[in-house]
Amino acid sequence: MIGKFATSKAGHDKTKLYIIMNEDTEYVYLVDGDLKPLNKPKKKRKKHIQIINRVDETIQNKLDTKQIIYNEDIKRAIKLYWR
């Protein structure tokens, strides 16, 4: 699931779009590059998000090649998704 888009289904951030940057058995860690940057992701239960089966190519390439992902990359990917 890492690198996929997800929207929040519950909480004060309901309908906000994020990118999944990490996961464990019960939680995912979401970033948006702005209020939730890479160094301070939002921890959210898996049942409170809606996963979107789409991955930004730039983010996926950086994950595959283990390059550094910047907050600007996340912001750009989210902006391009809404177009």
PDB file of N, CA and C in Angstrom:
ATOM      1  N   MET A   1       0.809  -1.208   0.000  1.00  0.00           N
ATOM      2  CA  MET A   1       0.000   0.000   0.000  1.00  0.00           C
ATOM      3  C   MET A   1       0.846   1.264   0.000  1.00  0.00           C
ATOM      4  N   ILE A   2       2.105   1.158   0.296  1.00  0.00           N
ATOM      5  CA  ILE A   2       2.951   2.341   0.386  1.00  0.00           C
ATOM      6  C   ILE A   2       3.023   3.029  -0.978  1.00  0.00           C
ATOM      7  N   GLY A   3       2.789   4.341  -0.972  1.00  0.00           N
ATOM      8  CA  GLY A   3       2.825   5.130  -2.193  1.00  0.00           C
ATOM      9  C   GLY A   3       1.459   5.388  -2.790  1.00  0.00           C
ATOM     10  N   LYS A   4       0.431   4.686  -2.344  1.00  0.00           N
ATOM     11  CA  LYS A   4      -0.918   4.878  -2.882  1.00  0.00           C
ATOM     12  C   LYS A   4      -1.582   6.095  -2.250  1.00  0.00           C
ATOM     13  N   PHE A   5      -2.532   6.643  -2.984  1.00  0.00           N
ATOM     14  CA  PHE A   5      -3.343   7.733  -2.466  1.00  0.00           C
ATOM     15  C   PHE A   5      -4.397   7.157  -1.530  1.00  0.00           C
ATOM     16  N   ALA A   6      -4.831   7.960  -0.568  1.00  0.00           N
ATOM     17  CA  ALA A   6      -5.894   7.560   0.350  1.00  0.00           C
ATOM     18  C   ALA A   6      -6.625   8.809   0.819  1.00  0.00           C
ATOM     19  N   THR A   7      -7.920   8.660   1.056  1.00  0.00           N
ATOM     20  CA  THR A   7      -8.692   9.750   1.635  1.00  0.00           C
ATOM     21  C   THR A   7      -9.156   9.336   3.026  1.00  0.00           C
ATOM     22  N   SER A   8      -9.305  10.308   3.863  1.00  0.00           N
ATOM     23  CA  SER A   8      -9.751  10.071   5.226  1.00  0.00           C
ATOM     24  C   SER A   8     -11.270   9.917   5.225  1.00  0.00           C
ATOM     25  N   LYS A   9     -11.763   8.885   5.915  1.00  0.00           N
ATOM     26  CA  LYS A   9     -13.211   8.659   6.015  1.00  0.00           C
ATOM     27  C   LYS A   9     -13.774   9.145   7.336  1.00  0.00           C
ATOM     28  N   ALA A  10     -12.916   9.445   8.311  1.00  0.00           N
ATOM     29  CA  ALA A  10     -13.391   9.846   9.634  1.00  0.00           C
ATOM     30  C   ALA A  10     -12.429  10.841  10.261  1.00  0.00           C
ATOM     31  N   GLY A  11     -12.969  11.628  11.172  1.00  0.00           N
ATOM     32  CA  GLY A  11     -12.137  12.596  11.884  1.00  0.00           C
ATOM     33  C   GLY A  11     -12.307  14.004  11.341  1.00  0.00           C
ATOM     34  N   HIS A  12     -11.561  14.930  11.923  1.00  0.00           N
ATOM     35  CA  HIS A  12     -11.670  16.326  11.493  1.00  0.00           C
ATOM     36  C   HIS A  12     -11.116  16.553  10.096  1.00  0.00           C
ATOM     37  N   ASP A  13     -10.342  15.597   9.584  1.00  0.00           N
ATOM     38  CA  ASP A  13      -9.757  15.712   8.246  1.00  0.00           C
ATOM     39  C   ASP A  13     -10.530  14.912   7.207  1.00  0.00           C
ATOM     40  N   LYS A  14     -11.781  14.623   7.478  1.00  0.00           N
ATOM     41  CA  LYS A  14     -12.613  13.811   6.594  1.00  0.00           C
ATOM     42  C   LYS A  14     -12.554  14.340   5.160  1.00  0.00           C
ATOM     43  N   THR A  15     -12.367  13.466   4.197  1.00  0.00           N
ATOM     44  CA  THR A  15     -12.260  13.695   2.741  1.00  0.00           C
ATOM     45  C   THR A  15     -10.921  14.291   2.307  1.00  0.00           C
ATOM     46  N   LYS A  16      -9.979  14.484   3.198  1.00  0.00           N
ATOM     47  CA  LYS A  16      -8.662  15.014   2.823  1.00  0.00           C
ATOM     48  C   LYS A  16      -7.849  13.928   2.134  1.00  0.00           C
ATOM     49  N   LEU A  17      -7.113  14.326   1.123  1.00  0.00           N
ATOM     50  CA  LEU A  17      -6.302  13.392   0.348  1.00  0.00           C
ATOM     51  C   LEU A  17      -4.876  13.335   0.889  1.00  0.00           C
ATOM     52  N   TYR A  18      -4.375  12.124   1.051  1.00  0.00           N
ATOM     53  CA  TYR A  18      -3.023  11.873   1.547  1.00  0.00           C
ATOM     54  C   TYR A  18      -2.340  10.839   0.657  1.00  0.00           C
ATOM     55  N   ILE A  19      -1.056  10.630   0.917  1.00  0.00           N
ATOM     56  CA  ILE A  19      -0.304   9.524   0.335  1.00  0.00           C
ATOM     57  C   ILE A  19       0.192   8.665   1.486  1.00  0.00           C
ATOM     58  N   ILE A  20       0.050   7.354   1.343  1.00  0.00           N
ATOM     59  CA  ILE A  20       0.489   6.425   2.384  1.00  0.00           C
ATOM     60  C   ILE A  20       2.000   6.273   2.297  1.00  0.00           C
ATOM     61  N   MET A  21       2.697   6.552   3.398  1.00  0.00           N
ATOM     62  CA  MET A  21       4.149   6.455   3.409  1.00  0.00           C
ATOM     63  C   MET A  21       4.669   5.280   4.219  1.00  0.00           C
ATOM     64  N   ASN A  22       3.841   4.727   5.085  1.00  0.00           N
ATOM     65  CA  ASN A  22       4.266   3.583   5.885  1.00  0.00           C
ATOM     66  C   ASN A  22       3.011   2.899   6.410  1.00  0.00           C
ATOM     67  N   GLU A  23       3.162   1.644   6.822  1.00  0.00           N
ATOM     68  CA  GLU A  23       2.031   0.932   7.399  1.00  0.00           C
ATOM     69  C   GLU A  23       2.524  -0.122   8.365  1.00  0.00           C
ATOM     70  N   ASP A  24       1.677  -0.468   9.307  1.00  0.00           N
ATOM     71  CA  ASP A  24       1.916  -1.621  10.165  1.00  0.00           C
ATOM     72  C   ASP A  24       0.611  -2.405  10.227  1.00  0.00           C
ATOM     73  N   THR A  25       0.462  -3.278  11.181  1.00  0.00           N
ATOM     74  CA  THR A  25      -0.700  -4.166  11.176  1.00  0.00           C
ATOM     75  C   THR A  25      -2.026  -3.436  11.322  1.00  0.00           C
ATOM     76  N   GLU A  26      -2.071  -2.380  12.117  1.00  0.00           N
ATOM     77  CA  GLU A  26      -3.334  -1.701  12.389  1.00  0.00           C
ATOM     78  C   GLU A  26      -3.401  -0.262  11.875  1.00  0.00           C
ATOM     79  N   TYR A  27      -2.259   0.353  11.647  1.00  0.00           N
ATOM     80  CA  TYR A  27      -2.219   1.766  11.290  1.00  0.00           C
ATOM     81  C   TYR A  27      -1.509   1.998   9.957  1.00  0.00           C
ATOM     82  N   VAL A  28      -1.832   3.150   9.353  1.00  0.00           N
ATOM     83  CA  VAL A  28      -1.066   3.662   8.223  1.00  0.00           C
ATOM     84  C   VAL A  28      -0.565   5.044   8.614  1.00  0.00           C
ATOM     85  N   TYR A  29       0.488   5.476   7.965  1.00  0.00           N
ATOM     86  CA  TYR A  29       1.081   6.785   8.229  1.00  0.00           C
ATOM     87  C   TYR A  29       0.944   7.610   6.960  1.00  0.00           C
ATOM     88  N   LEU A  30       0.196   8.687   7.052  1.00  0.00           N
ATOM     89  CA  LEU A  30      -0.199   9.483   5.899  1.00  0.00           C
ATOM     90  C   LEU A  30       0.528  10.817   5.867  1.00  0.00           C
ATOM     91  N   VAL A  31       0.843  11.264   4.664  1.00  0.00           N
ATOM     92  CA  VAL A  31       1.484  12.567   4.489  1.00  0.00           C
ATOM     93  C   VAL A  31       0.770  13.346   3.387  1.00  0.00           C
ATOM     94  N   ASP A  32       0.834  14.666   3.499  1.00  0.00           N
ATOM     95  CA  ASP A  32       0.312  15.525   2.436  1.00  0.00           C
ATOM     96  C   ASP A  32       1.344  16.571   1.998  1.00  0.00           C
ATOM     97  N   GLY A  33       2.507  16.577   2.626  1.00  0.00           N
ATOM     98  CA  GLY A  33       3.568  17.498   2.246  1.00  0.00           C
ATOM     99  C   GLY A  33       3.411  18.890   2.810  1.00  0.00           C
ATOM    100  N   ASP A  34       2.285  19.170   3.435  1.00  0.00           N
ATOM    101  CA  ASP A  34       2.026  20.515   3.939  1.00  0.00           C
ATOM    102  C   ASP A  34       1.795  20.467   5.454  1.00  0.00           C
ATOM    103  N   LEU A  35       0.581  20.194   5.869  1.00  0.00           N
ATOM    104  CA  LEU A  35       0.296  20.104   7.309  1.00  0.00           C
ATOM    105  C   LEU A  35       0.834  18.819   7.922  1.00  0.00           C
ATOM    106  N   LYS A  36       0.929  17.791   7.137  1.00  0.00           N
ATOM    107  CA  LYS A  36       1.500  16.514   7.572  1.00  0.00           C
ATOM    108  C   LYS A  36       2.699  16.187   6.685  1.00  0.00           C
ATOM    109  N   PRO A  37       3.867  16.736   7.025  1.00  0.00           N
ATOM    110  CA  PRO A  37       5.068  16.502   6.220  1.00  0.00           C
ATOM    111  C   PRO A  37       5.641  15.103   6.461  1.00  0.00           C
ATOM    112  N   LEU A  38       6.642  14.763   5.696  1.00  0.00           N
ATOM    113  CA  LEU A  38       7.256  13.440   5.780  1.00  0.00           C
ATOM    114  C   LEU A  38       7.868  13.158   7.149  1.00  0.00           C
ATOM    115  N   ASN A  39       8.371  14.181   7.805  1.00  0.00           N
ATOM    116  CA  ASN A  39       8.999  13.949   9.114  1.00  0.00           C
ATOM    117  C   ASN A  39       7.997  13.888  10.267  1.00  0.00           C
ATOM    118  N   LYS A  40       6.708  14.155  10.005  1.00  0.00           N
ATOM    119  CA  LYS A  40       5.673  14.070  11.036  1.00  0.00           C
ATOM    120  C   LYS A  40       4.357  13.591  10.408  1.00  0.00           C
ATOM    121  N   PRO A  41       4.309  12.317   9.991  1.00  0.00           N
ATOM    122  CA  PRO A  41       3.109  11.812   9.308  1.00  0.00           C
ATOM    123  C   PRO A  41       1.928  11.650  10.263  1.00  0.00           C
ATOM    124  N   LYS A  42       0.752  11.599   9.682  1.00  0.00           N
ATOM    125  CA  LYS A  42      -0.467  11.377  10.459  1.00  0.00           C
ATOM    126  C   LYS A  42      -0.673   9.879  10.631  1.00  0.00           C
ATOM    127  N   LYS A  43      -0.853   9.455  11.870  1.00  0.00           N
ATOM    128  CA  LYS A  43      -1.104   8.049  12.174  1.00  0.00           C
ATOM    129  C   LYS A  43      -2.616   7.849  12.196  1.00  0.00           C
ATOM    130  N   LYS A  44      -3.103   6.925  11.372  1.00  0.00           N
ATOM    131  CA  LYS A  44      -4.546   6.725  11.270  1.00  0.00           C
ATOM    132  C   LYS A  44      -4.851   5.241  11.128  1.00  0.00           C
ATOM    133  N   ARG A  45      -5.913   4.796  11.741  1.00  0.00           N
ATOM    134  CA  ARG A  45      -6.323   3.397  11.628  1.00  0.00           C
ATOM    135  C   ARG A  45      -6.735   3.083  10.192  1.00  0.00           C
ATOM    136  N   LYS A  46      -6.436   1.874   9.765  1.00  0.00           N
ATOM    137  CA  LYS A  46      -6.741   1.469   8.394  1.00  0.00           C
ATOM    138  C   LYS A  46      -8.230   1.544   8.092  1.00  0.00           C
ATOM    139  N   LYS A  47      -9.076   1.278   9.078  1.00  0.00           N
ATOM    140  CA  LYS A  47     -10.513   1.301   8.831  1.00  0.00           C
ATOM    141  C   LYS A  47     -11.053   2.723   8.625  1.00  0.00           C
ATOM    142  N   HIS A  48     -10.241   3.738   8.933  1.00  0.00           N
ATOM    143  CA  HIS A  48     -10.681   5.120   8.785  1.00  0.00           C
ATOM    144  C   HIS A  48     -10.187   5.780   7.509  1.00  0.00           C
ATOM    145  N   ILE A  49      -9.632   4.991   6.593  1.00  0.00           N
ATOM    146  CA  ILE A  49      -9.192   5.565   5.315  1.00  0.00           C
ATOM    147  C   ILE A  49      -9.811   4.790   4.152  1.00  0.00           C
ATOM    148  N   GLN A  50      -9.927   5.462   3.032  1.00  0.00           N
ATOM    149  CA  GLN A  50     -10.358   4.841   1.786  1.00  0.00           C
ATOM    150  C   GLN A  50      -9.155   4.854   0.855  1.00  0.00           C
ATOM    151  N   ILE A  51      -8.657   3.668   0.512  1.00  0.00           N
ATOM    152  CA  ILE A  51      -7.480   3.569  -0.353  1.00  0.00           C
ATOM    153  C   ILE A  51      -7.906   3.767  -1.797  1.00  0.00           C
ATOM    154  N   ILE A  52      -7.125   4.544  -2.521  1.00  0.00           N
ATOM    155  CA  ILE A  52      -7.337   4.777  -3.939  1.00  0.00           C
ATOM    156  C   ILE A  52      -6.245   4.010  -4.678  1.00  0.00           C
ATOM    157  N   ASN A  53      -6.633   3.105  -5.545  1.00  0.00           N
ATOM    158  CA  ASN A  53      -5.655   2.260  -6.244  1.00  0.00           C
ATOM    159  C   ASN A  53      -4.976   3.024  -7.369  1.00  0.00           C
ATOM    160  N   ARG A  54      -4.245   4.032  -6.975  1.00  0.00           N
ATOM    161  CA  ARG A  54      -3.484   4.846  -7.919  1.00  0.00           C
ATOM    162  C   ARG A  54      -2.216   5.306  -7.223  1.00  0.00           C
ATOM    163  N   VAL A  55      -1.117   5.278  -7.957  1.00  0.00           N
ATOM    164  CA  VAL A  55       0.176   5.689  -7.425  1.00  0.00           C
ATOM    165  C   VAL A  55       0.778   6.695  -8.399  1.00  0.00           C
ATOM    166  N   ASP A  56       1.326   7.770  -7.869  1.00  0.00           N
ATOM    167  CA  ASP A  56       2.025   8.740  -8.702  1.00  0.00           C
ATOM    168  C   ASP A  56       3.318   8.113  -9.208  1.00  0.00           C
ATOM    169  N   GLU A  57       3.612   8.282 -10.496  1.00  0.00           N
ATOM    170  CA  GLU A  57       4.792   7.661 -11.106  1.00  0.00           C
ATOM    171  C   GLU A  57       6.095   8.138 -10.471  1.00  0.00           C
ATOM    172  N   THR A  58       6.208   9.422 -10.213  1.00  0.00           N
ATOM    173  CA  THR A  58       7.427   9.956  -9.617  1.00  0.00           C
ATOM    174  C   THR A  58       7.660   9.378  -8.227  1.00  0.00           C
ATOM    175  N   ILE A  59       6.615   9.329  -7.427  1.00  0.00           N
ATOM    176  CA  ILE A  59       6.734   8.770  -6.078  1.00  0.00           C
ATOM    177  C   ILE A  59       7.108   7.291  -6.163  1.00  0.00           C
ATOM    178  N   GLN A  60       6.452   6.550  -7.048  1.00  0.00           N
ATOM    179  CA  GLN A  60       6.734   5.126  -7.185  1.00  0.00           C
ATOM    180  C   GLN A  60       8.170   4.881  -7.623  1.00  0.00           C
ATOM    181  N   ASN A  61       8.662   5.677  -8.586  1.00  0.00           N
ATOM    182  CA  ASN A  61      10.053   5.540  -9.040  1.00  0.00           C
ATOM    183  C   ASN A  61      11.032   5.797  -7.911  1.00  0.00           C
ATOM    184  N   LYS A  62      10.758   6.830  -7.112  1.00  0.00           N
ATOM    185  CA  LYS A  62      11.651   7.142  -5.993  1.00  0.00           C
ATOM    186  C   LYS A  62      11.606   6.057  -4.927  1.00  0.00           C
ATOM    187  N   LEU A  63      10.431   5.469  -4.695  1.00  0.00           N
ATOM    188  CA  LEU A  63      10.336   4.371  -3.734  1.00  0.00           C
ATOM    189  C   LEU A  63      11.085   3.138  -4.238  1.00  0.00           C
ATOM    190  N   ASP A  64      10.943   2.846  -5.522  1.00  0.00           N
ATOM    191  CA  ASP A  64      11.596   1.667  -6.106  1.00  0.00           C
ATOM    192  C   ASP A  64      13.110   1.783  -6.098  1.00  0.00           C
ATOM    193  N   THR A  65      13.613   2.984  -6.363  1.00  0.00           N
ATOM    194  CA  THR A  65      15.061   3.180  -6.442  1.00  0.00           C
ATOM    195  C   THR A  65      15.655   3.683  -5.131  1.00  0.00           C
ATOM    196  N   LYS A  66      14.806   3.756  -4.092  1.00  0.00           N
ATOM    197  CA  LYS A  66      15.234   4.176  -2.753  1.00  0.00           C
ATOM    198  C   LYS A  66      15.866   5.576  -2.734  1.00  0.00           C
ATOM    199  N   GLN A  67      15.310   6.468  -3.552  1.00  0.00           N
ATOM    200  CA  GLN A  67      15.745   7.858  -3.550  1.00  0.00           C
ATOM    201  C   GLN A  67      14.990   8.615  -2.459  1.00  0.00           C
ATOM    202  N   ILE A  68      15.490   9.780  -2.134  1.00  0.00           N
ATOM    203  CA  ILE A  68      14.843  10.616  -1.122  1.00  0.00           C
ATOM    204  C   ILE A  68      13.581  11.240  -1.721  1.00  0.00           C
ATOM    205  N   ILE A  69      12.495  11.160  -0.970  1.00  0.00           N
ATOM    206  CA  ILE A  69      11.241  11.799  -1.365  1.00  0.00           C
ATOM    207  C   ILE A  69      11.120  13.080  -0.544  1.00  0.00           C
ATOM    208  N   TYR A  70      10.802  14.166  -1.221  1.00  0.00           N
ATOM    209  CA  TYR A  70      10.665  15.458  -0.563  1.00  0.00           C
ATOM    210  C   TYR A  70       9.191  15.828  -0.425  1.00  0.00           C
ATOM    211  N   ASN A  71       8.904  16.746   0.503  1.00  0.00           N
ATOM    212  CA  ASN A  71       7.531  17.216   0.691  1.00  0.00           C
ATOM    213  C   ASN A  71       6.977  17.841  -0.583  1.00  0.00           C
ATOM    214  N   GLU A  72       7.836  18.467  -1.363  1.00  0.00           N
ATOM    215  CA  GLU A  72       7.406  19.074  -2.621  1.00  0.00           C
ATOM    216  C   GLU A  72       6.926  18.009  -3.607  1.00  0.00           C
ATOM    217  N   ASP A  73       7.547  16.831  -3.581  1.00  0.00           N
ATOM    218  CA  ASP A  73       7.109  15.726  -4.436  1.00  0.00           C
ATOM    219  C   ASP A  73       5.700  15.278  -4.046  1.00  0.00           C
ATOM    220  N   ILE A  74       5.452  15.214  -2.763  1.00  0.00           N
ATOM    221  CA  ILE A  74       4.138  14.814  -2.259  1.00  0.00           C
ATOM    222  C   ILE A  74       3.083  15.845  -2.656  1.00  0.00           C
ATOM    223  N   LYS A  75       3.385  17.118  -2.440  1.00  0.00           N
ATOM    224  CA  LYS A  75       2.444  18.189  -2.792  1.00  0.00           C
ATOM    225  C   LYS A  75       2.121  18.177  -4.278  1.00  0.00           C
ATOM    226  N   ARG A  76       3.140  17.988  -5.110  1.00  0.00           N
ATOM    227  CA  ARG A  76       2.940  17.962  -6.559  1.00  0.00           C
ATOM    228  C   ARG A  76       2.055  16.791  -6.968  1.00  0.00           C
ATOM    229  N   ALA A  77       2.302  15.620  -6.377  1.00  0.00           N
ATOM    230  CA  ALA A  77       1.521  14.434  -6.707  1.00  0.00           C
ATOM    231  C   ALA A  77       0.048  14.630  -6.340  1.00  0.00           C
ATOM    232  N   ILE A  78      -0.207  15.209  -5.181  1.00  0.00           N
ATOM    233  CA  ILE A  78      -1.592  15.447  -4.751  1.00  0.00           C
ATOM    234  C   ILE A  78      -2.252  16.490  -5.642  1.00  0.00           C
ATOM    235  N   LYS A  79      -1.526  17.527  -6.004  1.00  0.00           N
ATOM    236  CA  LYS A  79      -2.071  18.566  -6.883  1.00  0.00           C
ATOM    237  C   LYS A  79      -2.414  17.989  -8.253  1.00  0.00           C
ATOM    238  N   LEU A  80      -1.536  17.155  -8.795  1.00  0.00           N
ATOM    239  CA  LEU A  80      -1.791  16.537 -10.102  1.00  0.00           C
ATOM    240  C   LEU A  80      -2.958  15.554 -10.046  1.00  0.00           C
ATOM    241  N   TYR A  81      -3.146  14.904  -8.914  1.00  0.00           N
ATOM    242  CA  TYR A  81      -4.257  13.961  -8.774  1.00  0.00           C
ATOM    243  C   TYR A  81      -5.604  14.682  -8.886  1.00  0.00           C
ATOM    244  N   TRP A  82      -5.722  15.863  -8.304  1.00  0.00           N
ATOM    245  CA  TRP A  82      -6.996  16.598  -8.298  1.00  0.00           C
ATOM    246  C   TRP A  82      -7.337  17.196  -9.641  1.00  0.00           C
ATOM    247  N   ARG A  83      -6.413  17.213 -10.585  1.00  0.00           N
ATOM    248  CA  ARG A  83      -6.724  17.770 -11.912  1.00  0.00           C
ATOM    249  C   ARG A  83      -7.675  16.907 -12.664  1.00  0.00           C
TER     250      ARG A  83
END
